[in-house]
C-alpha atoms as a PDB file:
ATOM      1  CA  MET A   1     -48.845  90.345 -46.117  1.00  0.00           C
ATOM      2  CA  VAL A   2     -47.271  92.923 -43.838  1.00  0.00           C
ATOM      3  CA  GLY A   3     -49.086  91.515 -41.056  1.00  0.00           C
ATOM      4  CA  ALA A   4     -48.002  87.905 -41.676  1.00  0.00           C
ATOM      5  CA  LEU A   5     -44.384  89.200 -42.094  1.00  0.00           C
ATOM      6  CA  ALA A   6     -44.779  91.104 -38.771  1.00  0.00           C
ATOM      7  CA  LEU A   7     -46.094  87.735 -36.998  1.00  0.00           C
ATOM      8  CA  ILE A   8     -43.150  85.832 -38.558  1.00  0.00           C
ATOM      9  CA  MET A   9     -40.483  88.199 -37.444  1.00  0.00           C
ATOM     10  CA  GLY A  10     -42.267  88.618 -33.930  1.00  0.00           C
ATOM     11  CA  ALA A  11     -42.022  84.847 -33.586  1.00  0.00           C
ATOM     12  CA  CYS A  12     -38.445  84.640 -34.647  1.00  0.00           C
ATOM     13  CA  SER A  13     -37.604  87.397 -32.111  1.00  0.00           C
ATOM     14  CA  SER A  14     -39.335  85.460 -29.363  1.00  0.00           C
ATOM     15  CA  GLN A  15     -37.581  82.147 -30.239  1.00  0.00           C
ATOM     16  CA  SER A  16     -34.296  84.071 -30.278  1.00  0.00           C
ATOM     17  CA  GLU A  17     -34.899  85.709 -26.845  1.00  0.00           C
ATOM     18  CA  LEU A  18     -36.162  82.182 -25.511  1.00  0.00           C
ATOM     19  CA  ALA A  19     -32.790  80.544 -26.605  1.00  0.00           C
ATOM     20  CA  SER A  20     -30.872  83.360 -25.124  1.00  0.00           C
ATOM     21  CA  ASP A  21     -32.657  83.034 -21.948  1.00  0.00           C
ATOM     22  CA  THR A  22     -32.214  79.377 -21.613  1.00  0.00           C
ATOM     23  CA  ALA A  23     -28.665  79.522 -22.490  1.00  0.00           C
ATOM     24  CA  ALA A  24     -27.924  82.272 -19.711  1.00  0.00           C
ATOM     25  CA  THR A  25     -26.754  81.748 -16.236  1.00  0.00           C
ATOM     26  CA  LYS A  26     -29.496  82.624 -13.437  1.00  0.00           C
ATOM     27  CA  THR A  27     -28.466  83.965 -10.193  1.00  0.00           C
ATOM     28  CA  MET A  28     -30.379  83.968  -6.880  1.00  0.00           C
ATOM     29  CA  MET A  29     -28.677  85.976  -3.906  1.00  0.00           C
ATOM     30  CA  LEU A  30     -28.689  84.173  -0.553  1.00  0.00           C
ATOM     31  CA  SER A  31     -26.941  87.164   1.086  1.00  0.00           C
ATOM     32  CA  GLY A  32     -26.329  90.876   0.684  1.00  0.00           C
ATOM     33  CA  THR A  33     -23.423  91.784  -1.272  1.00  0.00           C
ATOM     34  CA  GLY A  34     -21.962  93.759   1.551  1.00  0.00           C
ATOM     35  CA  SER A  35     -22.608  95.351   4.943  1.00  0.00           C
ATOM     36  CA  ASP A  36     -25.138  97.770   3.290  1.00  0.00           C
ATOM     37  CA  ASP A  37     -27.485  95.163   2.209  1.00  0.00           C
ATOM     38  CA  ALA A  38     -26.842  92.265   4.319  1.00  0.00           C
ATOM     39  CA  VAL A  39     -29.406  89.703   4.879  1.00  0.00           C
ATOM     40  CA  GLU A  40     -30.309  88.161   8.213  1.00  0.00           C
ATOM     41  CA  TRP A  41     -29.820  84.454   8.613  1.00  0.00           C
ATOM     42  CA  ASP A  42     -30.409  82.347  11.680  1.00  0.00           C
ATOM     43  CA  PHE A  43     -27.298  81.816  13.634  1.00  0.00           C
ATOM     44  CA  TYR A  44     -25.902  79.572  16.648  1.00  0.00           C
ATOM     45  CA  CYS A  45     -22.574  80.029  18.235  1.00  0.00           C
ATOM     46  CA  ASP A  46     -21.226  77.435  20.454  1.00  0.00           C
ATOM     47  CA  LYS A  47     -18.648  79.289  22.426  1.00  0.00           C
ATOM     48  CA  GLY A  48     -17.897  82.952  23.518  1.00  0.00           C
ATOM     49  CA  ARG A  49     -20.298  85.741  23.604  1.00  0.00           C
ATOM     50  CA  ASN A  50     -23.828  85.408  22.962  1.00  0.00           C
ATOM     51  CA  CYS A  51     -23.156  81.693  22.553  1.00  0.00           C
ATOM     52  CA  GLY A  52     -25.769  78.664  23.270  1.00  0.00           C
ATOM     53  CA  GLU A  53     -28.907  79.846  21.633  1.00  0.00           C
ATOM     54  CA  TRP A  54     -30.247  80.616  18.161  1.00  0.00           C
ATOM     55  CA  SER A  55     -30.506  84.465  17.088  1.00  0.00           C
ATOM     56  CA  LYS A  56     -29.866  86.297  13.895  1.00  0.00           C
ATOM     57  CA  ILE A  57     -26.810  87.405  12.119  1.00  0.00           C
ATOM     58  CA  ALA A  58     -25.908  89.693   9.094  1.00  0.00           C
ATOM     59  CA  VAL A  59     -24.609  87.741   5.971  1.00  0.00           C
ATOM     60  CA  PRO A  60     -22.061  88.678   4.803  1.00  0.00           C
ATOM     61  CA  SER A  61     -20.062  89.527   8.007  1.00  0.00           C
ATOM     62  CA  ASN A  62     -17.678  88.270  10.616  1.00  0.00           C
ATOM     63  CA  TRP A  63     -19.368  87.229  13.739  1.00  0.00           C
ATOM     64  CA  GLU A  64     -17.128  88.762  16.223  1.00  0.00           C
ATOM     65  CA  LEU A  65     -18.200  92.103  14.856  1.00  0.00           C
ATOM     66  CA  GLU A  66     -21.670  91.105  15.301  1.00  0.00           C
ATOM     67  CA  GLY A  67     -21.361  90.403  18.875  1.00  0.00           C
ATOM     68  CA  PHE A  68     -20.633  86.519  18.930  1.00  0.00           C
ATOM     69  CA  GLY A  69     -17.480  84.517  20.016  1.00  0.00           C
ATOM     70  CA  GLY A  70     -14.144  85.886  20.792  1.00  0.00           C
ATOM     71  CA  TYR A  71     -11.618  88.284  19.068  1.00  0.00           C
ATOM     72  CA  ASP A  72      -8.149  86.842  18.085  1.00  0.00           C
ATOM     73  CA  TYR A  73      -5.028  88.236  17.002  1.00  0.00           C
ATOM     74  CA  GLY A  74      -2.877  86.465  14.342  1.00  0.00           C
ATOM     75  CA  HIS A  75       0.174  85.874  16.502  1.00  0.00           C
ATOM     76  CA  ILE A  76      -1.642  84.748  19.737  1.00  0.00           C
ATOM     77  CA  ARG A  77      -0.979  81.113  20.261  1.00  0.00           C
ATOM     78  CA  GLU A  78      -4.275  80.113  21.993  1.00  0.00           C
ATOM     79  CA  LYS A  79      -6.951  81.248  19.888  1.00  0.00           C
ATOM     80  CA  HIS A  80     -10.849  81.068  20.494  1.00  0.00           C
ATOM     81  CA  ASP A  81     -12.061  78.059  18.581  1.00  0.00           C
ATOM     82  CA  GLU A  82     -15.720  78.459  18.112  1.00  0.00           C
ATOM     83  CA  GLN A  83     -18.099  76.911  15.752  1.00  0.00           C
ATOM     84  CA  GLY A  84     -20.923  78.799  14.052  1.00  0.00           C
ATOM     85  CA  THR A  85     -24.104  77.492  12.363  1.00  0.00           C
ATOM     86  CA  TYR A  86     -25.850  79.463   9.872  1.00  0.00           C
ATOM     87  CA  ARG A  87     -29.449  78.507   8.429  1.00  0.00           C
ATOM     88  CA  ARG A  88     -31.842  79.910   6.029  1.00  0.00           C
ATOM     89  CA  ASP A  89     -34.881  79.149   4.017  1.00  0.00           C
ATOM     90  CA  PHE A  90     -35.154  79.790   0.264  1.00  0.00           C
ATOM     91  CA  ASP A  91     -37.413  78.852  -2.652  1.00  0.00           C
ATOM     92  CA  VAL A  92     -36.154  77.424  -5.890  1.00  0.00           C
ATOM     93  CA  PRO A  93     -38.305  78.239  -9.104  1.00  0.00           C
ATOM     94  CA  ALA A  94     -40.083  75.305 -10.730  1.00  0.00           C
ATOM     95  CA  SER A  95     -38.339  76.614 -13.930  1.00  0.00           C
ATOM     96  CA  TRP A  96     -34.900  75.493 -12.565  1.00  0.00           C
ATOM     97  CA  GLN A  97     -35.735  71.859 -12.848  1.00  0.00           C
ATOM     98  CA  ASN A  98     -33.546  70.721 -15.709  1.00  0.00           C
ATOM     99  CA  ARG A  99     -30.498  72.972 -14.847  1.00  0.00           C
ATOM    100  CA  THR A 100     -27.478  72.460 -12.807  1.00  0.00           C
ATOM    101  CA  VAL A 101     -27.874  74.332  -9.625  1.00  0.00           C
ATOM    102  CA  LYS A 102     -24.689  75.433  -7.468  1.00  0.00           C
ATOM    103  CA  VAL A 103     -24.434  77.344  -4.282  1.00  0.00           C
ATOM    104  CA  VAL A 104     -21.433  79.791  -4.570  1.00  0.00           C
ATOM    105  CA  PHE A 105     -19.387  81.094  -1.606  1.00  0.00           C
ATOM    106  CA  ASP A 106     -17.010  83.986  -2.316  1.00  0.00           C
ATOM    107  CA  GLY A 107     -15.365  83.654   1.194  1.00  0.00           C
ATOM    108  CA  VAL A 108     -15.882  81.876   4.359  1.00  0.00           C
ATOM    109  CA  MET A 109     -13.507  81.909   7.424  1.00  0.00           C
ATOM    110  CA  THR A 110     -12.374  79.119   7.764  1.00  0.00           C
ATOM    111  CA  ASP A 111     -13.654  75.402   7.418  1.00  0.00           C
ATOM    112  CA  THR A 112     -17.049  75.290   5.950  1.00  0.00           C
ATOM    113  CA  THR A 113     -19.602  72.113   5.758  1.00  0.00           C
ATOM    114  CA  VAL A 114     -22.685  72.529   3.877  1.00  0.00           C
ATOM    115  CA  PHE A 115     -26.069  70.903   4.142  1.00  0.00           C
ATOM    116  CA  VAL A 116     -29.270  71.375   1.976  1.00  0.00           C
ATOM    117  CA  ASN A 117     -32.355  69.944   3.482  1.00  0.00           C
ATOM    118  CA  ASP A 118     -30.486  67.970   6.049  1.00  0.00           C
ATOM    119  CA  GLN A 119     -28.068  66.225   3.475  1.00  0.00           C
ATOM    120  CA  GLN A 120     -24.484  67.233   3.571  1.00  0.00           C
ATOM    121  CA  VAL A 121     -23.636  68.168  -0.244  1.00  0.00           C
ATOM    122  CA  GLY A 122     -20.013  67.738  -0.273  1.00  0.00           C
ATOM    123  CA  LEU A 123     -16.548  67.607   1.455  1.00  0.00           C
ATOM    124  CA  THR A 124     -15.780  70.242   3.974  1.00  0.00           C
ATOM    125  CA  HIS A 125     -13.837  73.217   2.260  1.00  0.00           C
ATOM    126  CA  ARG A 126     -10.937  74.470   3.921  1.00  0.00           C
ATOM    127  CA  GLY A 127      -9.578  78.037   3.694  1.00  0.00           C
ATOM    128  CA  GLY A 128     -11.070  81.418   3.636  1.00  0.00           C
ATOM    129  CA  PHE A 129      -9.814  83.619   0.923  1.00  0.00           C
ATOM    130  CA  TYR A 130     -11.301  82.205  -2.318  1.00  0.00           C
ATOM    131  CA  ARG A 131     -14.546  81.178  -3.887  1.00  0.00           C
ATOM    132  CA  PHE A 132     -15.877  77.624  -3.780  1.00  0.00           C
ATOM    133  CA  SER A 133     -19.025  76.159  -4.965  1.00  0.00           C
ATOM    134  CA  TYR A 134     -21.174  72.840  -4.540  1.00  0.00           C
ATOM    135  CA  ASP A 135     -23.534  71.326  -7.036  1.00  0.00           C
ATOM    136  CA  ILE A 136     -26.621  71.010  -4.927  1.00  0.00           C
ATOM    137  CA  THR A 137     -29.056  69.804  -7.730  1.00  0.00           C
ATOM    138  CA  PRO A 138     -29.749  66.345  -6.325  1.00  0.00           C
ATOM    139  CA  TYR A 139     -30.813  67.985  -2.785  1.00  0.00           C
ATOM    140  CA  LEU A 140     -33.274  70.476  -4.059  1.00  0.00           C
ATOM    141  CA  ASN A 141     -36.959  70.591  -4.143  1.00  0.00           C
ATOM    142  CA  PHE A 142     -37.896  72.581  -7.337  1.00  0.00           C
ATOM    143  CA  GLY A 143     -40.697  74.836  -6.951  1.00  0.00           C
ATOM    144  CA  GLU A 144     -41.035  74.434  -3.268  1.00  0.00           C
ATOM    145  CA  SER A 145     -39.152  75.820  -0.072  1.00  0.00           C
ATOM    146  CA  ASN A 146     -35.564  74.666   0.849  1.00  0.00           C
ATOM    147  CA  GLN A 147     -33.205  75.136   3.744  1.00  0.00           C
ATOM    148  CA  ILE A 148     -29.485  75.459   3.611  1.00  0.00           C
ATOM    149  CA  LYS A 149     -27.447  74.990   6.661  1.00  0.00           C
ATOM    150  CA  VAL A 150     -23.741  76.212   6.765  1.00  0.00           C
ATOM    151  CA  VAL A 151     -21.441  74.783   9.559  1.00  0.00           C
ATOM    152  CA  VAL A 152     -18.344  76.952   9.805  1.00  0.00           C
ATOM    153  CA  ASP A 153     -15.241  76.194  12.152  1.00  0.00           C
ATOM    154  CA  LYS A 154     -13.199  79.491  12.818  1.00  0.00           C
ATOM    155  CA  ILE A 155      -9.933  77.421  13.292  1.00  0.00           C
ATOM    156  CA  SER A 156      -9.029  75.225  10.362  1.00  0.00           C
ATOM    157  CA  ALA A 157      -8.373  71.465  10.827  1.00  0.00           C
ATOM    158  CA  ASP A 158      -5.550  71.918   8.232  1.00  0.00           C
ATOM    159  CA  LYS A 159      -2.486  73.022  10.018  1.00  0.00           C
ATOM    160  CA  SER A 160      -1.142  74.371   6.793  1.00  0.00           C
ATOM    161  CA  ILE A 161      -4.022  76.630   6.235  1.00  0.00           C
ATOM    162  CA  GLU A 162      -3.843  77.751   9.844  1.00  0.00           C
ATOM    163  CA  ALA A 163      -0.070  78.784   9.209  1.00  0.00           C
ATOM    164  CA  ALA A 164      -0.645  80.388   5.813  1.00  0.00           C
ATOM    165  CA  GLU A 165      -3.698  82.447   6.522  1.00  0.00           C
ATOM    166  CA  ARG A 166      -4.034  82.975  10.136  1.00  0.00           C
ATOM    167  CA  GLN A 167      -0.646  83.187  11.666  1.00  0.00           C
ATOM    168  CA  ALA A 168       0.206  86.942  10.917  1.00  0.00           C
ATOM    169  CA  ASP A 169       0.151  90.457  11.956  1.00  0.00           C
ATOM    170  CA  TYR A 170      -3.586  91.007  11.732  1.00  0.00           C
ATOM    171  CA  TRP A 171      -6.854  90.247  13.313  1.00  0.00           C
ATOM    172  CA  VAL A 172      -8.236  87.015  12.454  1.00  0.00           C
ATOM    173  CA  PHE A 173     -12.043  86.393  12.324  1.00  0.00           C
ATOM    174  CA  GLY A 174     -14.699  83.672  11.655  1.00  0.00           C
ATOM    175  CA  GLY A 175     -17.842  83.551   9.622  1.00  0.00           C
ATOM    176  CA  ILE A 176     -19.341  83.965   5.972  1.00  0.00           C
ATOM    177  CA  PHE A 177     -17.664  87.368   5.122  1.00  0.00           C
ATOM    178  CA  ARG A 178     -18.340  87.425   1.372  1.00  0.00           C
ATOM    179  CA  GLN A 179     -21.516  86.976  -0.660  1.00  0.00           C
ATOM    180  CA  VAL A 180     -23.335  83.779  -1.065  1.00  0.00           C
ATOM    181  CA  PHE A 181     -25.574  83.017  -4.055  1.00  0.00           C
ATOM    182  CA  LEU A 182     -27.041  80.232  -6.177  1.00  0.00           C
ATOM    183  CA  GLN A 183     -26.298  79.703  -9.881  1.00  0.00           C
ATOM    184  CA  ALA A 184     -28.653  77.877 -12.295  1.00  0.00           C
ATOM    185  CA  LEU A 185     -26.775  76.615 -15.299  1.00  0.00           C
ATOM    186  CA  PRO A 186     -27.905  74.806 -18.430  1.00  0.00           C
ATOM    187  CA  ALA A 187     -27.309  71.321 -17.962  1.00  0.00           C
ATOM    188  CA  SER A 188     -24.335  71.472 -20.410  1.00  0.00           C
ATOM    189  CA  HIS A 189     -22.381  74.653 -19.483  1.00  0.00           C
ATOM    190  CA  ILE A 190     -18.919  76.310 -19.231  1.00  0.00           C
ATOM    191  CA  ASP A 191     -17.624  75.582 -15.719  1.00  0.00           C
ATOM    192  CA  TRP A 192     -14.756  78.069 -15.592  1.00  0.00           C
ATOM    193  CA  VAL A 193     -12.162  79.917 -17.681  1.00  0.00           C
ATOM    194  CA  SER A 194      -8.613  80.815 -17.672  1.00  0.00           C
ATOM    195  CA  LEU A 195      -7.395  84.175 -19.473  1.00  0.00           C
ATOM    196  CA  ASP A 196      -4.179  85.356 -20.470  1.00  0.00           C
ATOM    197  CA  ALA A 197      -4.408  88.816 -22.158  1.00  0.00           C
ATOM    198  CA  LYS A 198      -1.046  90.404 -22.925  1.00  0.00           C
ATOM    199  CA  ALA A 199      -0.192  94.004 -23.613  1.00  0.00           C
ATOM    200  CA  SER A 200       0.700  92.929 -27.181  1.00  0.00           C
ATOM    201  CA  GLY A 201      -2.942  92.270 -28.065  1.00  0.00           C
ATOM    202  CA  GLN A 202      -2.444  88.407 -27.979  1.00  0.00           C
ATOM    203  CA  PHE A 203      -5.426  86.723 -26.138  1.00  0.00           C
ATOM    204  CA  ASP A 204      -5.707  83.247 -25.050  1.00  0.00           C
ATOM    205  CA  ALA A 205      -8.223  81.402 -23.045  1.00  0.00           C
ATOM    206  CA  GLU A 206      -8.755  77.993 -21.740  1.00  0.00           C
ATOM    207  CA  VAL A 207     -12.414  77.037 -21.452  1.00  0.00           C
ATOM    208  CA  TYR A 208     -13.552  74.133 -19.292  1.00  0.00           C
ATOM    209  CA  PHE A 209     -16.989  72.579 -19.393  1.00  0.00           C
ATOM    210  CA  GLU A 210     -19.319  70.210 -17.387  1.00  0.00           C
ATOM    211  CA  GLY A 211     -22.264  68.265 -18.964  1.00  0.00           C
ATOM    212  CA  LEU A 212     -22.821  65.915 -21.861  1.00  0.00           C
ATOM    213  CA  ILE A 213     -21.063  67.228 -24.880  1.00  0.00           C
ATOM    214  CA  GLY A 214     -21.242  65.893 -28.490  1.00  0.00           C
ATOM    215  CA  ALA A 215     -18.492  65.678 -30.987  1.00  0.00           C
ATOM    216  CA  GLU A 216     -19.311  68.695 -32.790  1.00  0.00           C
ATOM    217  CA  THR A 217     -19.533  70.784 -29.702  1.00  0.00           C
ATOM    218  CA  GLY A 218     -17.319  73.858 -29.538  1.00  0.00           C
ATOM    219  CA  VAL A 219     -16.863  77.435 -28.154  1.00  0.00           C
ATOM    220  CA  GLU A 220     -17.106  80.537 -29.948  1.00  0.00           C
ATOM    221  CA  ALA A 221     -15.766  83.903 -28.398  1.00  0.00           C
ATOM    222  CA  GLN A 222     -15.913  87.363 -29.096  1.00  0.00           C
ATOM    223  CA  ILE A 223     -14.036  90.330 -27.491  1.00  0.00           C
ATOM    224  CA  LEU A 224     -16.278  93.335 -26.789  1.00  0.00           C
ATOM    225  CA  ASP A 225     -15.541  96.898 -25.369  1.00  0.00           C
ATOM    226  CA  MET A 226     -17.476  97.805 -22.200  1.00  0.00           C
ATOM    227  CA  ASP A 227     -20.206  99.199 -24.262  1.00  0.00           C
ATOM    228  CA  GLY A 228     -20.750  95.856 -25.763  1.00  0.00           C
ATOM    229  CA  LYS A 229     -19.458  96.749 -29.215  1.00  0.00           C
ATOM    230  CA  PRO A 230     -17.441  94.034 -30.893  1.00  0.00           C
ATOM    231  CA  VAL A 231     -13.507  94.358 -30.986  1.00  0.00           C
ATOM    232  CA  GLY A 232     -11.888  92.189 -33.648  1.00  0.00           C
ATOM    233  CA  LYS A 233     -13.702  89.131 -35.393  1.00  0.00           C
ATOM    234  CA  PRO A 234     -15.138  86.130 -33.436  1.00  0.00           C
ATOM    235  CA  PHE A 235     -12.832  83.190 -32.890  1.00  0.00           C
ATOM    236  CA  SER A 236     -13.615  79.721 -31.874  1.00  0.00           C
ATOM    237  CA  ALA A 237     -12.474  76.105 -31.327  1.00  0.00           C
ATOM    238  CA  LEU A 238     -13.889  72.653 -30.985  1.00  0.00           C
ATOM    239  CA  LEU A 239     -13.753  70.920 -27.312  1.00  0.00           C
ATOM    240  CA  GLN A 240     -11.004  68.461 -26.892  1.00  0.00           C
ATOM    241  CA  GLU A 241     -11.709  66.111 -23.751  1.00  0.00           C
ATOM    242  CA  SER A 242     -12.594  68.696 -20.928  1.00  0.00           C
ATOM    243  CA  LYS A 243     -11.624  72.041 -22.577  1.00  0.00           C
ATOM    244  CA  ALA A 244     -11.248  74.197 -25.460  1.00  0.00           C
ATOM    245  CA  VAL A 245      -8.387  76.488 -26.207  1.00  0.00           C
ATOM    246  CA  VAL A 246      -9.257  79.763 -28.102  1.00  0.00           C
ATOM    247  CA  SER A 247      -7.085  82.370 -29.178  1.00  0.00           C
ATOM    248  CA  THR A 248      -6.996  85.681 -31.128  1.00  0.00           C
ATOM    249  CA  ALA A 249      -4.907  88.956 -31.393  1.00  0.00           C
ATOM    250  CA  ILE A 250      -6.273  92.456 -31.256  1.00  0.00           C
ATOM    251  CA  ALA A 251      -4.270  95.369 -32.914  1.00  0.00           C
ATOM    252  CA  ASN A 252      -3.394  98.313 -30.413  1.00  0.00           C
ATOM    253  CA  PRO A 253      -5.554  97.355 -27.499  1.00  0.00           C
ATOM    254  CA  GLU A 254      -6.024  99.966 -24.804  1.00  0.00           C
ATOM    255  CA  LEU A 255      -3.953  98.744 -21.932  1.00  0.00           C
ATOM    256  CA  TRP A 256      -4.979  98.187 -18.313  1.00  0.00           C
ATOM    257  CA  SER A 257      -2.779  99.942 -15.548  1.00  0.00           C
ATOM    258  CA  ALA A 258      -3.552 101.350 -12.007  1.00  0.00           C
ATOM    259  CA  GLU A 259      -3.662 104.738 -13.432  1.00  0.00           C
ATOM    260  CA  TYR A 260      -5.587 103.800 -16.661  1.00  0.00           C
ATOM    261  CA  PRO A 261      -7.608 100.756 -15.768  1.00  0.00           C
ATOM    262  CA  ASN A 262      -9.023 100.106 -19.364  1.00  0.00           C
ATOM    263  CA  LEU A 263     -11.142  97.025 -19.528  1.00  0.00           C
ATOM    264  CA  TYR A 264     -12.869  94.661 -22.175  1.00  0.00           C
ATOM    265  CA  GLN A 265     -15.313  92.041 -22.061  1.00  0.00           C
ATOM    266  CA  VAL A 266     -15.180  88.327 -23.641  1.00  0.00           C
ATOM    267  CA  ARG A 267     -18.301  86.602 -24.579  1.00  0.00           C
ATOM    268  CA  PHE A 268     -18.149  82.663 -24.747  1.00  0.00           C
ATOM    269  CA  THR A 269     -20.622  80.809 -26.389  1.00  0.00           C
ATOM    270  CA  LEU A 270     -20.831  76.979 -25.936  1.00  0.00           C
ATOM    271  CA  LYS A 271     -22.542  75.559 -29.044  1.00  0.00           C
ATOM    272  CA  ALA A 272     -23.580  72.280 -30.453  1.00  0.00           C
ATOM    273  CA  GLY A 273     -23.824  72.836 -34.284  1.00  0.00           C
ATOM    274  CA  THR A 274     -25.801  75.747 -34.574  1.00  0.00           C
ATOM    275  CA  ASP A 275     -27.551  75.395 -31.189  1.00  0.00           C
ATOM    276  CA  THR A 276     -26.404  77.647 -28.347  1.00  0.00           C
ATOM    277  CA  LEU A 277     -26.110  75.781 -25.051  1.00  0.00           C
ATOM    278  CA  HIS A 278     -24.577  78.353 -22.727  1.00  0.00           C
ATOM    279  CA  THR A 279     -23.284  81.797 -22.747  1.00  0.00           C
ATOM    280  CA  LEU A 280     -20.846  83.442 -20.251  1.00  0.00           C
ATOM    281  CA  ASN A 281     -19.157  86.946 -20.004  1.00  0.00           C
ATOM    282  CA  LYS A 282     -15.908  87.821 -18.474  1.00  0.00           C
ATOM    283  CA  THR A 283     -14.212  91.157 -17.881  1.00  0.00           C
ATOM    284  CA  PHE A 284     -10.602  91.536 -18.330  1.00  0.00           C
ATOM    285  CA  GLY A 285      -7.665  94.034 -19.164  1.00  0.00           C
ATOM    286  CA  PHE A 286      -4.762  93.601 -21.536  1.00  0.00           C
ATOM    287  CA  ARG A 287      -1.418  93.831 -19.591  1.00  0.00           C
ATOM    288  CA  THR A 288       1.818  91.860 -19.260  1.00  0.00           C
ATOM    289  CA  PHE A 289       3.498  91.816 -15.821  1.00  0.00           C
ATOM    290  CA  GLU A 290       7.207  91.016 -15.766  1.00  0.00           C
ATOM    291  CA  LEU A 291       9.564  90.199 -12.888  1.00  0.00           C
ATOM    292  CA  ARG A 292      13.072  91.041 -14.243  1.00  0.00           C
ATOM    293  CA  PRO A 293      16.112  89.616 -12.054  1.00  0.00           C
ATOM    294  CA  HIS A 294      18.007  92.503 -10.527  1.00  0.00           C
ATOM    295  CA  GLU A 295      15.552  95.085 -12.023  1.00  0.00           C
ATOM    296  CA  GLY A 296      12.371  94.623 -10.323  1.00  0.00           C
ATOM    297  CA  MET A 297       8.682  94.432 -11.511  1.00  0.00           C
ATOM    298  CA  TYR A 298       7.429  95.866 -14.918  1.00  0.00           C
ATOM    299  CA  LEU A 299       3.987  96.473 -16.040  1.00  0.00           C
ATOM    300  CA  ASN A 300       3.392  96.843 -19.832  1.00  0.00           C
ATOM    301  CA  GLY A 301       7.243  97.439 -20.441  1.00  0.00           C
ATOM    302  CA  GLU A 302       7.367 100.375 -17.639  1.00  0.00           C
ATOM    303  CA  LYS A 303       9.173  99.802 -14.290  1.00  0.00           C
ATOM    304  CA  ILE A 304       6.941  99.937 -11.169  1.00  0.00           C
ATOM    305  CA  ILE A 305       8.383 101.483  -8.056  1.00  0.00           C
ATOM    306  CA  LEU A 306       6.888  99.939  -4.777  1.00  0.00           C
ATOM    307  CA  LYS A 307       6.667 102.712  -2.426  1.00  0.00           C
ATOM    308  CA  GLY A 308       4.768 100.835   0.364  1.00  0.00           C
ATOM    309  CA  VAL A 309       3.065  97.770   1.158  1.00  0.00           C
ATOM    310  CA  ASN A 310       0.106  96.527   3.363  1.00  0.00           C
ATOM    311  CA  LEU A 311       0.932  94.374   6.107  1.00  0.00           C
ATOM    312  CA  GLN A 312      -2.285  92.200   5.608  1.00  0.00           C
ATOM    313  CA  ARG A 313      -2.617  91.677   1.874  1.00  0.00           C
END
């Protein structure tokens, strides 16, 4: 009897772990996370130093600092306008077959066109300071080798981006300067979230999703401390059109500030009835910024005196 009970409990545990594994986001790095663990890609620069032939480059990096192209300062009118082409092979697990696979770039200077297995996967992304991604699922060979090619133009074709990002009092560079990775998500998944966590303890989130979602599909959320212990009770809402809005209030949260950067986590679970489709964790802090006319900036009700600024950002 004890043996049978143990087998049943073991089977339940295995099923739970399998469901949890299926609902999780899988990640595969295509680059390093910084200069200390950068990954070499094939690279071709069309102008400037070391141009005209394929070689290797560290990713992430700026190609000027790796010996390619030319240096430019923000206020100089005539700038080097080289184009760099990156290339590398990667294997995609066969187990990702029924997932949505995205390639994510955390930052590229400046205009970026992406190809997977010689097929362009979307429109050219313009702008260097924020994350962007492409759904590359239709272009992949699962269980086999694939190739990604990234064509980067140092000068943006969008004059407003050039004016906003590159006409300033600092050096302007080109290249994949932040990390690149693959995300394998369940076919129906949470795409992105918008969080608002105030110093009062009020917490509101808009949760956006992708995929085929049924009428009884909803989002359940739970705030956790950084050790993973629940803070308050779970809260939930059904999806309405493309999103769900969930809210709760936490009594006496530890507030975030520069001096005391207290943080929490929130775990979102996309559910269809009792079935878990996708889980997503985000880290945040409870804080309220105010800009009071004629008084200045306040954080959590206390005035902040700005004693200096960085010329760049």
